[in-house]
Amino acid sequence: MTRATILFAHGSRDPLWSQPMQAVARRMREIEPGARVRCAYLELMQPDLATAVRACVDEGYDDIVVVPMFLGVGRHARDDLPALVAQLAPTIPGTRIRLQAAVGEDPRIVELLARIALD
C-alpha cells in the first residue's frame, strides 16, 4: 500500500490561520522525504476532506491516514469527522482511509504544551 497523510483542521476565513498546518506538513516532508502530506479543512478553507482524499487516490495512494489537528475533542472531532470518513470510504473502493485520534489526545502533545506554558 502507498500511504498518504491528510492533516485535517477546522479552517478559518483568515488565510494566515493555516500557516501552522502548512508548517507541520513541511516538517513532515523534511523528516521523511517523499512523504505525501496534504492539508484539508472542515469549513471556510479549501480543500475539503473529500477533495484531498480524491487527490491522493488520483495520485496512486491507497492507504490514507487522516490526522485530526484538534487539541480538544469536541463535536467536530468526535462526530463530524468520523461521519465524513464513513461517507467517503465506500465511494473509493480499494482505498483504506484510517482516522487517527485527535492530536490533543496524544500525551506527547500535552507534555509539550505544558512545558511551553511553563517557559
Protein backbone atom coordinates (compact mmCIF):
# COMPACT_ATOMS: atom_id res chain seq x y z
CA MET A 1 0.00 0.00 0.00
CA THR A 2 1.12 3.53 -0.71
CA ARG A 3 0.42 5.85 2.21
CA ALA A 4 -0.66 9.49 2.22
CA THR A 5 -1.38 11.62 5.28
CA ILE A 6 -4.06 14.28 5.46
CA LEU A 7 -3.78 16.85 8.24
CA PHE A 8 -7.36 17.84 8.97
CA ALA A 9 -8.34 21.07 10.72
CA HIS A 10 -11.36 23.29 11.18
CA GLY A 11 -10.49 26.15 8.82
CA SER A 12 -10.82 29.92 9.05
CA ARG A 13 -11.65 32.95 6.95
CA ASP A 14 -8.16 34.27 7.74
CA PRO A 15 -5.72 32.74 5.25
CA LEU A 16 -2.84 33.15 7.73
CA TRP A 17 -4.60 30.74 10.08
CA SER A 18 -3.42 27.75 8.03
CA GLN A 19 0.29 28.60 8.33
CA PRO A 20 0.91 26.31 11.34
CA MET A 21 -0.75 23.43 9.47
CA GLN A 22 1.42 24.07 6.43
CA ALA A 23 4.48 24.20 8.72
CA VAL A 24 3.63 20.76 10.14
CA ALA A 25 3.22 19.38 6.62
CA ARG A 26 6.59 20.86 5.56
CA ARG A 27 8.29 19.45 8.66
CA MET A 28 6.84 16.00 7.96
CA ARG A 29 8.36 16.13 4.47
CA GLU A 30 11.72 17.18 5.92
CA ILE A 31 11.65 14.30 8.40
CA GLU A 32 10.53 11.79 5.77
CA PRO A 33 11.48 12.94 2.28
CA GLY A 34 8.94 11.70 -0.21
CA ALA A 35 6.13 11.63 2.34
CA ARG A 36 2.80 12.57 0.78
CA VAL A 37 1.11 15.08 3.06
CA ARG A 38 -1.93 17.21 2.32
CA CYS A 39 -3.96 19.57 4.45
CA ALA A 40 -7.77 19.58 4.44
CA TYR A 41 -10.38 21.66 6.23
CA LEU A 42 -13.86 21.18 7.60
CA GLU A 43 -15.11 24.59 6.51
CA LEU A 44 -14.14 28.07 5.36
CA MET A 45 -10.99 26.89 3.53
CA GLN A 46 -10.10 24.55 0.71
CA PRO A 47 -9.55 21.76 0.08
CA ASP A 48 -12.22 19.90 1.98
CA LEU A 49 -11.61 16.30 3.07
CA ALA A 50 -13.29 14.69 0.06
CA THR A 51 -11.20 16.76 -2.36
CA ALA A 52 -7.96 15.96 -0.53
CA VAL A 53 -8.76 12.23 -0.38
CA ARG A 54 -9.66 12.10 -4.07
CA ALA A 55 -6.44 13.94 -4.98
CA CYS A 56 -4.43 11.34 -3.03
CA VAL A 57 -6.28 8.48 -4.75
CA ASP A 58 -5.76 10.10 -8.16
CA GLU A 59 -2.03 10.22 -7.38
CA GLY A 60 -1.99 6.49 -6.68
CA TYR A 61 -2.25 6.40 -2.89
CA ASP A 62 -4.44 3.64 -1.49
CA ASP A 63 -3.77 3.99 2.24
CA ILE A 64 -4.85 7.37 3.59
CA VAL A 65 -4.38 8.41 7.20
CA VAL A 66 -6.45 11.36 8.41
CA VAL A 67 -4.90 13.17 11.38
CA PRO A 68 -7.32 15.49 13.20
CA MET A 69 -5.29 18.55 14.18
CA PHE A 70 -7.60 19.40 17.09
CA LEU A 71 -6.41 19.98 20.66
CA GLY A 72 -9.84 19.38 22.10
CA VAL A 73 -12.18 16.60 21.13
CA GLY A 74 -15.45 18.40 20.56
CA ARG A 75 -18.27 17.77 18.14
CA HIS A 76 -16.11 18.17 15.02
CA ALA A 77 -13.51 15.58 16.05
CA ARG A 78 -15.97 13.29 17.82
CA ASP A 79 -18.92 13.34 15.38
CA ASP A 80 -18.41 15.33 12.16
CA LEU A 81 -15.06 13.94 11.05
CA PRO A 82 -15.88 10.24 11.63
CA ALA A 83 -19.12 10.79 9.69
CA LEU A 84 -17.21 12.38 6.79
CA VAL A 85 -14.77 9.45 6.69
CA ALA A 86 -17.64 6.94 6.87
CA GLN A 87 -19.35 8.66 3.91
CA LEU A 88 -16.15 8.77 1.84
CA ALA A 89 -14.88 5.24 2.40
CA PRO A 90 -17.50 3.38 0.33
CA THR A 91 -17.09 5.79 -2.59
CA ILE A 92 -13.43 4.82 -3.05
CA PRO A 93 -13.17 1.03 -3.29
CA GLY A 94 -9.71 -0.40 -2.78
CA THR A 95 -8.61 2.52 -0.64
CA ARG A 96 -8.18 2.30 3.10
CA ILE A 97 -8.98 5.50 4.99
CA ARG A 98 -7.89 5.47 8.62
CA LEU A 99 -8.79 8.09 11.19
CA GLN A 100 -6.28 8.74 13.95
CA ALA A 101 -7.16 10.20 17.33
CA ALA A 102 -7.04 13.99 17.62
CA VAL A 103 -3.52 15.25 18.28
CA GLY A 104 -4.67 16.80 21.56
CA GLU A 105 -5.28 13.30 22.93
CA ASP A 106 -1.63 12.35 22.50
CA PRO A 107 0.25 12.57 25.82
CA ARG A 108 3.32 13.89 23.98
CA ILE A 109 1.36 16.96 22.88
CA VAL A 110 0.03 17.52 26.39
CA GLU A 111 3.58 17.28 27.77
CA LEU A 112 4.96 19.67 25.15
CA LEU A 113 2.21 22.23 25.70
CA ALA A 114 2.72 22.11 29.45
CA ARG A 115 6.45 22.73 29.02
CA ILE A 116 5.86 25.60 26.61
CA ALA A 117 3.38 27.18 29.04
CA LEU A 118 5.89 26.89 31.88
CA ASP A 119 8.64 28.73 29.94
